[in-house]
Protein backbone atom coordinates (compact mmCIF):
# COMPACT_ATOMS: atom_id res chain seq x y z
CA MET A 1 78.15 56.90 134.80
CA SER A 2 76.23 60.17 134.43
CA SER A 3 78.89 62.06 136.38
CA LYS A 4 81.55 60.77 134.00
CA LYS A 5 79.55 62.05 131.07
CA LYS A 6 79.21 65.46 132.71
CA ASN A 7 82.95 65.64 133.37
CA LYS A 8 83.83 64.61 129.85
CA LYS A 9 84.66 67.72 127.86
CA SER A 10 84.58 67.97 124.10
CA PHE A 11 87.61 69.38 122.31
CA LYS A 12 87.46 73.09 121.59
CA MET A 13 89.80 75.01 119.31
CA PRO A 14 91.86 77.61 121.21
CA THR A 15 91.37 81.25 120.28
CA ALA A 16 93.68 82.96 117.80
CA TYR A 17 95.36 84.74 120.73
CA THR A 18 96.20 81.45 122.47
CA THR A 19 97.36 79.87 119.22
CA LEU A 20 99.74 82.76 118.54
CA LEU A 21 101.06 82.67 122.12
CA ILE A 22 101.70 78.93 121.79
CA ILE A 23 103.65 79.62 118.59
CA THR A 24 105.61 82.31 120.44
CA CYS A 25 106.53 79.78 123.14
CA VAL A 26 107.61 77.24 120.52
CA ILE A 27 109.83 79.84 118.83
CA ALA A 28 111.37 80.68 122.22
CA VAL A 29 112.18 77.00 122.80
CA LEU A 30 113.76 76.86 119.33
CA SER A 31 116.09 79.71 120.33
CA TYR A 32 117.77 77.16 122.66
CA ILE A 33 118.10 74.57 119.90
CA VAL A 34 118.52 76.40 116.59
CA PRO A 35 121.96 77.98 116.03
CA ALA A 36 121.86 81.78 115.93
CA GLY A 37 122.68 83.40 112.61
CA GLU A 38 122.42 86.58 110.57
CA TYR A 39 122.21 87.82 106.99
CA GLN A 40 123.48 91.04 105.52
CA TYR A 41 120.61 93.12 104.14
CA ALA A 42 120.32 95.59 101.26
CA ASN A 43 117.14 97.72 101.12
CA GLY A 44 115.43 95.33 103.52
CA ILE A 45 116.24 92.26 101.38
CA PRO A 46 118.58 89.51 102.69
CA ILE A 47 121.63 89.09 100.44
CA GLU A 48 121.98 85.53 99.25
CA GLY A 49 125.15 83.80 100.47
CA THR A 50 125.89 86.26 103.32
CA TYR A 51 124.56 84.10 106.18
CA LYS A 52 126.90 83.63 109.14
CA VAL A 53 126.62 81.99 112.56
CA VAL A 54 126.65 84.35 115.57
CA GLN A 55 126.52 83.98 119.36
CA SER A 56 123.16 82.67 120.56
CA ASN A 57 120.67 84.67 122.62
CA PRO A 58 118.03 82.21 123.95
CA GLN A 59 114.68 83.67 124.98
CA GLY A 60 113.28 83.04 128.47
CA VAL A 61 109.93 83.42 130.19
CA TRP A 62 110.24 87.18 130.57
CA ASN A 63 111.10 87.53 126.89
CA ILE A 64 108.00 85.53 125.97
CA ALA A 65 105.76 87.61 128.24
CA SER A 66 107.15 90.91 126.98
CA ALA A 67 107.12 89.93 123.27
CA PRO A 68 103.45 90.90 122.65
CA ILE A 69 104.03 94.25 124.40
CA LYS A 70 107.06 94.99 122.22
CA GLY A 71 105.13 93.70 119.23
CA PHE A 72 102.26 96.05 119.94
CA ALA A 73 104.68 98.99 120.16
CA GLY A 74 106.35 97.93 116.90
CA ALA A 75 103.02 97.71 115.10
CA ILE A 76 101.54 100.88 116.61
CA GLU A 77 101.12 102.66 113.24
CA ILE A 78 99.10 99.76 111.84
CA VAL A 79 97.20 99.32 115.13
CA LEU A 80 96.08 102.95 115.14
CA PHE A 81 95.00 102.64 111.51
CA VAL A 82 92.86 99.61 112.33
CA LEU A 83 91.24 101.36 115.31
CA VAL A 84 90.46 104.51 113.35
CA ILE A 85 89.00 102.47 110.47
CA GLY A 86 86.81 100.80 113.10
CA GLY A 87 85.72 104.20 114.40
CA CYS A 88 84.89 105.40 110.90
CA LEU A 89 82.85 102.24 110.22
CA GLY A 90 81.06 102.75 113.54
CA VAL A 91 79.88 106.17 112.39
CA ILE A 92 78.83 105.13 108.88
CA PHE A 93 76.98 102.02 110.09
CA GLU A 94 74.89 104.25 112.35
CA THR A 95 73.72 106.16 109.27
CA GLU A 96 72.56 102.84 107.72
CA ALA A 97 73.77 104.18 104.37
CA ILE A 98 75.32 100.87 103.29
CA ASP A 99 72.22 98.90 104.33
CA ALA A 100 70.00 101.40 102.50
CA GLY A 101 72.15 101.17 99.36
CA LEU A 102 71.94 97.38 99.25
CA GLY A 103 68.24 97.47 100.07
CA LYS A 104 67.60 99.94 97.25
CA ILE A 105 69.40 97.69 94.78
CA ALA A 106 67.45 94.63 95.95
CA LYS A 107 64.15 96.51 95.69
CA LYS A 108 64.92 97.88 92.22
CA LEU A 109 65.84 94.41 90.98
CA ASN A 110 62.83 92.67 92.48
CA GLY A 111 61.38 90.55 89.67
CA LYS A 112 64.53 90.75 87.53
CA GLU A 113 65.89 87.40 88.63
CA LYS A 114 68.76 87.16 86.17
CA LEU A 115 70.19 90.55 87.16
CA MET A 116 69.57 90.45 90.89
CA ILE A 117 72.22 87.90 91.88
CA PRO A 118 75.23 89.18 89.88
CA ILE A 119 74.62 92.84 90.77
CA LEU A 120 74.27 92.09 94.49
CA MET A 121 77.38 89.90 94.38
CA ILE A 122 79.38 92.63 92.64
CA VAL A 123 78.31 95.16 95.29
CA CYS A 124 79.28 92.77 98.11
CA ALA A 125 82.59 92.03 96.35
CA ALA A 126 83.31 95.77 96.20
CA GLY A 127 82.85 95.91 99.98
CA GLY A 128 85.15 92.93 100.51
CA ALA A 129 87.83 94.27 98.17
CA SER A 130 87.79 97.79 99.61
CA TYR A 131 87.38 97.53 103.37
CA GLY A 132 87.23 93.78 104.00
CA MET A 133 83.46 93.66 104.53
CA ALA A 134 82.79 90.52 106.58
CA GLU A 135 81.06 90.70 109.97
CA GLU A 136 78.76 93.48 108.83
CA THR A 137 77.28 91.23 106.12
CA ILE A 138 75.21 89.56 108.84
CA ALA A 139 72.92 92.61 108.75
CA PHE A 140 72.22 92.11 105.03
CA TYR A 141 70.58 88.68 105.21
CA PRO A 142 67.21 89.93 106.52
CA ILE A 143 67.20 92.50 103.69
CA ILE A 144 68.38 90.37 100.75
CA ILE A 145 66.99 86.88 101.43
CA PRO A 146 63.25 87.82 101.47
CA VAL A 147 63.66 89.39 98.02
CA LEU A 148 65.39 86.28 96.67
CA LEU A 149 62.78 83.98 98.24
CA ALA A 150 60.04 85.99 96.56
CA ALA A 151 61.83 85.44 93.23
CA GLY A 152 61.60 81.68 93.68
CA TYR A 153 65.05 80.93 95.08
CA ASP A 154 66.02 79.34 98.40
CA VAL A 155 67.89 80.55 101.48
CA VAL A 156 71.13 78.99 100.21
CA VAL A 157 71.10 81.34 97.20
CA GLY A 158 70.80 84.29 99.58
CA LEU A 159 73.67 83.03 101.71
CA MET A 160 75.91 82.43 98.69
CA THR A 161 75.06 85.79 97.12
CA ILE A 162 76.29 87.63 100.20
CA ILE A 163 79.07 85.46 101.60
CA LEU A 164 80.61 84.46 98.25
CA GLY A 165 80.24 88.01 96.96
CA ALA A 166 82.11 89.51 99.92
CA GLY A 167 84.46 86.51 100.06
CA THR A 168 85.61 86.86 96.47
CA GLY A 169 86.20 90.55 97.16
CA ILE A 170 88.48 89.63 100.06
CA ILE A 171 90.28 87.04 97.93
CA GLY A 172 90.97 89.75 95.35
CA GLY A 173 91.69 92.22 98.18
CA ILE A 174 92.34 95.23 95.95
CA VAL A 175 92.88 97.69 98.85
CA ASN A 176 91.57 95.70 101.83
CA PRO A 177 93.40 97.42 104.72
CA PHE A 178 93.04 94.48 107.12
CA SER A 179 94.68 91.83 104.93
CA THR A 180 96.30 93.29 101.81
CA GLY A 181 97.31 96.56 103.45
CA ILE A 182 98.91 95.02 106.53
CA ALA A 183 100.54 92.17 104.58
CA SER A 184 101.98 94.57 101.98
CA SER A 185 103.41 96.80 104.69
CA LEU A 186 105.04 93.85 106.48
CA ALA A 187 106.32 92.46 103.18
CA GLY A 188 107.97 95.79 102.43
CA VAL A 189 105.99 96.52 99.25
CA SER A 190 103.48 99.18 98.27
CA LEU A 191 99.76 98.46 98.24
CA ALA A 192 99.95 99.34 94.54
CA ASP A 193 102.44 96.54 93.87
CA GLY A 194 100.58 93.58 92.39
CA ILE A 195 97.29 95.50 92.14
CA GLY A 196 96.91 94.45 88.49
CA PHE A 197 97.13 90.76 89.39
CA ARG A 198 94.73 91.32 92.29
CA PHE A 199 92.23 92.88 89.87
CA LEU A 200 92.65 89.89 87.56
CA LEU A 201 92.14 87.49 90.47
CA LEU A 202 89.07 89.39 91.68
CA ILE A 203 87.41 89.47 88.26
CA SER A 204 88.19 85.79 87.61
CA VAL A 205 87.01 84.47 90.97
CA LEU A 206 83.95 86.75 91.06
CA THR A 207 82.90 85.66 87.56
CA PHE A 208 83.25 82.02 88.62
CA ALA A 209 81.26 82.72 91.81
CA ILE A 210 78.43 84.41 89.91
CA ILE A 211 78.19 81.48 87.47
CA PHE A 212 78.29 78.98 90.36
CA VAL A 213 75.51 80.75 92.28
CA MET A 214 73.32 81.43 89.25
CA ARG A 215 73.48 77.82 88.05
CA TYR A 216 72.36 76.58 91.46
CA ALA A 217 69.73 79.33 91.70
CA GLU A 218 68.22 78.53 88.31
CA LYS A 219 68.17 74.82 89.16
CA VAL A 220 66.29 75.53 92.41
CA ARG A 221 63.87 77.95 90.75
CA LYS A 222 62.93 75.38 88.10
CA ASN A 223 62.87 72.45 90.53
CA PRO A 224 62.63 73.43 94.25
CA GLU A 225 63.35 69.81 95.25
CA LYS A 226 66.94 70.34 94.06
CA SER A 227 67.53 72.70 97.01
CA ILE A 228 70.00 71.30 99.55
CA VAL A 229 67.60 72.45 102.31
CA TYR A 230 64.34 71.37 100.66
CA ASP A 231 63.47 68.94 103.44
CA ILE A 232 63.80 71.72 106.05
CA LYS A 233 62.42 74.51 103.84
CA ALA A 234 59.84 75.76 106.35
CA GLU A 235 62.39 75.93 109.16
CA VAL A 236 65.09 77.85 107.27
CA GLU A 237 62.69 80.29 105.60
CA ALA A 238 60.67 81.14 108.73
CA PRO A 239 62.90 84.05 109.91
CA PHE A 240 62.77 85.69 106.47
CA LYS A 241 59.04 85.93 105.84
CA ARG A 242 57.88 89.32 104.58
CA ASP A 243 55.96 90.08 107.75
CA ASN A 244 59.24 90.13 109.60
CA LYS A 245 59.90 93.82 110.32
CA ASP A 246 63.66 93.26 110.33
CA SER A 247 63.50 92.44 106.61
CA GLU A 248 62.65 96.03 105.67
CA ALA A 249 65.67 97.98 104.47
CA PRO A 250 66.12 101.62 105.51
CA GLU A 251 65.28 104.24 102.89
CA LEU A 252 68.10 105.45 100.64
CA THR A 253 67.70 109.17 101.15
CA LYS A 254 69.75 111.85 99.39
CA GLU A 255 71.62 112.28 102.63
CA ARG A 256 72.59 108.60 102.75
CA SER A 257 73.50 108.65 99.06
CA ARG A 258 75.91 111.52 99.66
CA ILE A 259 77.41 109.65 102.61
CA LEU A 260 78.09 106.64 100.37
CA VAL A 261 79.81 108.94 97.88
CA VAL A 262 82.05 110.39 100.61
CA PHE A 263 82.84 106.93 102.02
CA GLY A 264 83.67 105.57 98.57
CA GLY A 265 85.67 108.71 97.82
CA ALA A 266 87.85 108.08 100.88
CA PHE A 267 88.87 104.69 99.48
CA LEU A 268 89.49 106.19 96.06
CA ILE A 269 91.79 108.79 97.64
CA MET A 270 93.57 106.01 99.54
CA ILE A 271 94.21 104.10 96.31
CA LEU A 272 95.53 107.18 94.50
CA ALA A 273 97.66 108.18 97.48
CA LEU A 274 99.33 104.77 97.83
CA ILE A 275 100.35 104.19 94.22
CA PRO A 276 104.01 105.31 93.83
CA TRP A 277 103.28 107.43 90.77
CA GLN A 278 106.67 109.11 90.44
CA ASP A 279 109.02 106.52 91.94
CA LYS A 280 107.62 103.54 90.01
CA PHE A 281 105.88 104.98 86.96
CA GLY A 282 107.73 108.27 86.48
CA ILE A 283 104.47 110.25 86.67
CA SER A 284 105.13 113.60 88.37
CA LEU A 285 101.59 115.02 88.06
CA PHE A 286 100.65 114.64 91.73
CA ASN A 287 104.03 115.92 92.95
CA ASP A 288 103.66 118.95 90.68
CA ILE A 289 100.13 119.64 91.97
CA HIS A 290 101.40 119.26 95.55
CA SER A 291 104.29 121.68 94.96
CA THR A 292 101.95 124.22 93.34
CA ILE A 293 99.50 124.15 96.25
CA LYS A 294 102.28 124.39 98.84
CA SER A 295 103.73 127.43 97.06
CA ILE A 296 100.46 129.41 97.29
CA PRO A 297 100.66 131.93 100.17
CA PHE A 298 98.48 131.10 103.17
CA LEU A 299 96.80 128.14 101.39
CA GLY A 300 100.01 126.12 101.46
CA ALA A 301 100.39 126.67 105.18
CA LEU A 302 96.68 126.03 105.80
CA VAL A 303 96.80 122.64 104.06
CA GLY A 304 99.72 121.58 106.25
CA ASN A 305 102.38 118.94 105.68
CA ILE A 306 100.24 116.50 103.72
CA PRO A 307 102.44 114.27 101.51
CA PRO A 308 101.81 114.15 97.76
CA PHE A 309 99.89 111.21 96.32
CA GLY A 310 102.26 108.28 96.00
CA GLU A 311 104.07 108.93 99.27
CA TRP A 312 101.38 108.23 101.86
CA SER A 313 101.96 105.97 104.85
CA PHE A 314 99.63 104.25 107.33
CA THR A 315 99.67 107.42 109.42
CA ASP A 316 98.32 109.47 106.50
CA MET A 317 95.60 106.88 105.79
CA THR A 318 94.66 106.98 109.47
CA VAL A 319 94.23 110.76 109.25
CA LEU A 320 92.13 110.35 106.08
CA PHE A 321 89.58 108.04 107.72
CA PHE A 322 89.58 110.07 110.93
CA ILE A 323 88.55 113.14 108.92
CA THR A 324 86.07 111.04 106.90
CA SER A 325 84.31 109.88 110.07
CA ILE A 326 83.84 113.49 111.21
CA ILE A 327 82.54 114.58 107.80
CA ILE A 328 80.05 111.69 107.65
CA GLY A 329 78.87 112.39 111.19
CA LYS A 330 78.26 116.04 110.40
CA MET A 331 76.54 115.18 107.09
CA TYR A 332 74.10 113.00 109.07
CA LYS A 333 73.56 115.90 111.50
CA MET A 334 75.04 114.04 114.46
CA LYS A 335 75.97 115.96 117.57
CA GLU A 336 79.59 116.12 118.68
CA ASP A 337 79.11 113.71 121.59
CA GLU A 338 77.24 111.26 119.34
CA ILE A 339 80.07 111.18 116.79
CA VAL A 340 82.59 110.60 119.58
CA SER A 341 80.46 107.86 121.13
CA LEU A 342 79.96 106.04 117.81
CA PHE A 343 83.61 106.42 116.91
CA ILE A 344 84.73 104.93 120.22
CA SER A 345 82.15 102.15 119.87
CA GLY A 346 83.53 101.37 116.41
CA THR A 347 87.08 101.17 117.71
CA LYS A 348 85.90 98.70 120.36
CA ASP A 349 84.59 96.43 117.61
CA LEU A 350 88.10 96.21 116.13
CA LEU A 351 90.02 96.28 119.41
CA GLY A 352 90.39 92.49 119.16
CA VAL A 353 92.02 92.88 115.75
CA ALA A 354 94.36 95.54 117.12
CA LEU A 355 95.36 93.37 120.08
CA ILE A 356 95.95 90.32 117.92
CA LEU A 357 98.37 92.38 115.83
CA GLY A 358 100.52 92.90 118.91
CA VAL A 359 100.41 89.23 119.89
CA ALA A 360 101.28 88.15 116.34
CA LYS A 361 104.07 90.71 116.06
CA GLY A 362 105.49 89.22 119.26
CA ILE A 363 106.47 86.11 117.29
CA SER A 364 108.80 88.21 115.14
CA VAL A 365 110.18 89.89 118.25
CA VAL A 366 111.20 86.52 119.76
CA MET A 367 112.66 85.33 116.44
CA ASN A 368 114.67 88.52 115.98
CA ASP A 369 115.82 88.81 119.61
CA GLY A 370 116.63 85.09 119.66
CA LEU A 371 118.69 85.58 116.48
CA ILE A 372 117.13 82.56 114.79
CA ILE A 373 115.25 84.28 111.97
CA GLY A 374 118.44 84.36 109.91
CA THR A 375 118.97 80.63 110.44
CA ILE A 376 115.37 79.87 109.46
CA LEU A 377 115.84 81.92 106.30
CA HIS A 378 119.12 80.12 105.61
CA PHE A 379 117.34 76.78 105.96
CA GLY A 380 114.66 78.00 103.57
CA GLU A 381 117.30 79.25 101.15
CA GLY A 382 118.78 75.75 101.01
CA ILE A 383 115.41 74.14 100.35
CA LEU A 384 114.51 76.68 97.68
CA ALA A 385 117.79 76.31 95.81
CA GLY A 386 116.80 75.24 92.32
CA LEU A 387 113.08 75.19 93.16
CA ASN A 388 110.83 76.51 90.40
CA SER A 389 109.48 79.98 91.23
CA ALA A 390 105.94 79.11 90.13
CA ILE A 391 105.93 76.08 92.42
CA PHE A 392 107.01 78.27 95.35
CA ALA A 393 104.16 80.72 94.71
CA VAL A 394 101.53 77.97 94.58
CA VAL A 395 102.97 76.11 97.59
CA THR A 396 102.85 79.36 99.58
CA TYR A 397 99.16 79.69 98.70
CA ILE A 398 98.53 76.08 99.74
CA MET A 399 100.41 76.65 103.00
CA TYR A 400 98.19 79.57 103.96
CA ILE A 401 94.96 77.60 103.54
CA PRO A 402 95.37 75.34 106.61
CA MET A 403 97.17 78.08 108.56
CA SER A 404 94.03 80.19 108.36
CA PHE A 405 92.12 77.41 110.09
CA PHE A 406 94.26 77.82 113.20
CA VAL A 407 94.65 81.61 112.95
CA PRO A 408 91.38 82.87 111.41
CA SER A 409 92.40 86.52 111.88
CA SER A 410 93.87 87.61 108.52
CA SER A 411 95.71 90.55 110.06
CA GLY A 412 97.16 88.34 112.80
CA LEU A 413 98.20 85.69 110.29
CA ALA A 414 99.91 88.28 108.09
CA THR A 415 101.76 89.80 111.04
CA ALA A 416 102.94 86.40 112.25
CA THR A 417 104.16 85.03 108.92
CA MET A 418 105.15 87.80 106.52
CA PRO A 419 108.54 88.52 108.18
CA ILE A 420 109.57 84.96 107.21
CA VAL A 421 107.67 84.22 103.99
CA ALA A 422 108.44 87.51 102.21
CA PRO A 423 112.27 87.16 102.47
CA LEU A 424 111.98 83.51 101.39
CA ALA A 425 110.29 84.72 98.23
CA ASP A 426 113.44 86.72 97.44
CA PHE A 427 115.50 83.53 97.45
CA ALA A 428 112.93 81.81 95.23
CA GLY A 429 112.91 84.68 92.75
CA VAL A 430 109.25 85.47 93.45
CA ALA A 431 108.01 89.05 93.79
CA ARG A 432 106.86 89.81 97.32
CA GLU A 433 103.52 91.18 96.09
CA LEU A 434 102.71 87.66 94.86
CA VAL A 435 103.30 86.36 98.38
CA VAL A 436 100.75 88.93 99.58
CA ILE A 437 98.26 87.56 97.03
CA ALA A 438 99.01 83.99 98.12
CA PHE A 439 98.39 84.97 101.73
CA GLN A 440 95.13 86.90 101.29
CA SER A 441 93.59 84.38 98.90
CA GLY A 442 94.74 81.38 100.93
CA ALA A 443 93.27 82.77 104.14
CA GLU A 444 89.89 83.53 102.58
CA THR A 445 89.77 80.22 100.68
CA MET A 446 89.75 78.42 104.02
CA ASN A 447 87.24 80.87 105.47
CA LEU A 448 84.65 79.74 102.93
CA LEU A 449 84.29 76.47 104.83
CA SER A 450 86.24 76.82 108.09
CA PRO A 451 84.31 76.10 111.33
CA THR A 452 86.69 78.52 113.10
CA HIS A 453 85.53 81.43 110.91
CA ALA A 454 83.02 83.37 112.99
CA VAL A 455 81.40 85.13 110.01
CA LEU A 456 80.60 81.86 108.21
CA MET A 457 79.30 80.14 111.33
CA GLY A 458 77.23 83.19 112.23
CA ALA A 459 75.68 83.27 108.75
CA LEU A 460 74.91 79.54 108.85
CA GLY A 461 73.34 79.99 112.28
CA LEU A 462 71.19 82.88 111.07
CA THR A 463 70.01 81.02 107.96
CA ARG A 464 69.75 77.69 109.84
CA ILE A 465 71.64 75.85 107.10
CA PRO A 466 73.43 72.75 108.52
CA TYR A 467 77.21 73.10 108.39
CA THR A 468 77.77 69.65 106.85
CA ARG A 469 75.40 70.44 103.98
CA TRP A 470 77.13 73.75 103.34
CA VAL A 471 80.57 72.11 103.20
CA LYS A 472 79.42 69.39 100.80
CA HIS A 473 77.78 72.01 98.59
CA ILE A 474 80.64 74.53 98.56
CA ILE A 475 83.64 72.21 98.09
CA PRO A 476 83.42 72.30 94.24
CA PHE A 477 83.50 76.09 94.41
CA VAL A 478 86.54 76.04 96.73
CA VAL A 479 88.33 73.72 94.30
CA GLY A 480 87.57 76.16 91.49
CA VAL A 481 88.91 79.08 93.53
CA PHE A 482 92.08 77.08 94.22
CA LEU A 483 92.68 76.42 90.52
CA ILE A 484 91.98 80.04 89.49
CA THR A 485 94.23 81.50 92.20
CA SER A 486 97.05 79.08 91.39
CA ALA A 487 96.80 80.06 87.71
CA VAL A 488 97.01 83.80 88.55
CA LEU A 489 100.03 83.23 90.79
CA VAL A 490 101.82 81.23 88.09
CA LEU A 491 101.00 83.96 85.56
CA GLY A 492 102.41 86.53 87.97
CA VAL A 493 105.67 84.61 88.23
CA VAL A 494 105.93 84.15 84.44
CA ILE A 495 105.24 87.81 83.65
CA GLY A 496 107.42 88.94 86.55
């Protein structure tokens, strides 16, 4: 009897890599069943009514095995960008500038209960919206939670302040390179496309999050028994007592302040460089400045072949953050070998993301080589005929919520699905940038309660909050996020 119990294994979700490989195998099998077909394209957009059946090209075992390799090669520009971003983050995290900045804010606001929560959430949201701050938030709990406990709140308020702050930033995803950036590139649109609606979504969801957290916080402060962890208060608060050395934030020196300015400046440059000023808005200012600089003897040659703002690619952004990592390292007086070591260590942290991009891209390789992507689009075109555009946008958002459960990597999910969903949006009369919003918000909506999301489960483990209690508590917030996001998507369709 005991041996049977030992042999009995509980079900465990496969990793994102395995899930994507299973999908690749399924697509390969479909290449034997689904008729091959093609569309004519104009500027990367399939032309409605041009679908035709062609000779099939079924994909075998070797095709399946080689698909991730080809996918990795096809996504190399994005992969290198992800790795270099990781290297840059590795350098800046060593300076503890971000930790010091958050710690300084928490210390300054100590005793100002009504201001503490919204300001900290806005700062975390800025991190989520700019560089997809997620895993690194784990380091903030020992800094933020003791301050909030001293103000009369509970551990749940600390968890929500950080995870909902960063989460709403990711939902808005203004320039998040790991979700919005990759999805926009694969959808064939600029990162600037839809940025107004992303700002609206960010402000709306963040405002709702702040109200949600502050209402709970005030309720707990007035009546501690209202806390969802009141019966285990001693257990969950034990790691965050003030005598815990890990709760002390590093000092925000002038050096660290300047590093934060440089790091923030890099993202500002990225935003300015990606907006198609001249092509979309008819603003020639940056092109004129670029031409003037290039015409100056010696200086023009010294600057090199840097494109004008509005014409940057992933390669140019990669160069930007590579240079930023060196500047930050030198500002912190790091030696050459230390910068290299930290940079390489940072790339290792995101190597999994880079690899998953190749595996996910392999799905598109099999669909394209198997000549079934056109048929799938044709099937979708038939379903979407006469379908309301607003309904398509909301249904796309709904679709991405459960998909994120199985593929918790946002970059992997974007790479696997955008080649299909973006062209379908053309048939439905929906702008592709709205599909990007549906993807990024749908993925993060699920991550707020998904047991496959490592950041959430890590935070719950650190704060010792039971998962079932968290889910019951956060469901009303998730419903609110769903309604707000759906409203923004519908507005996007109506405005066009």
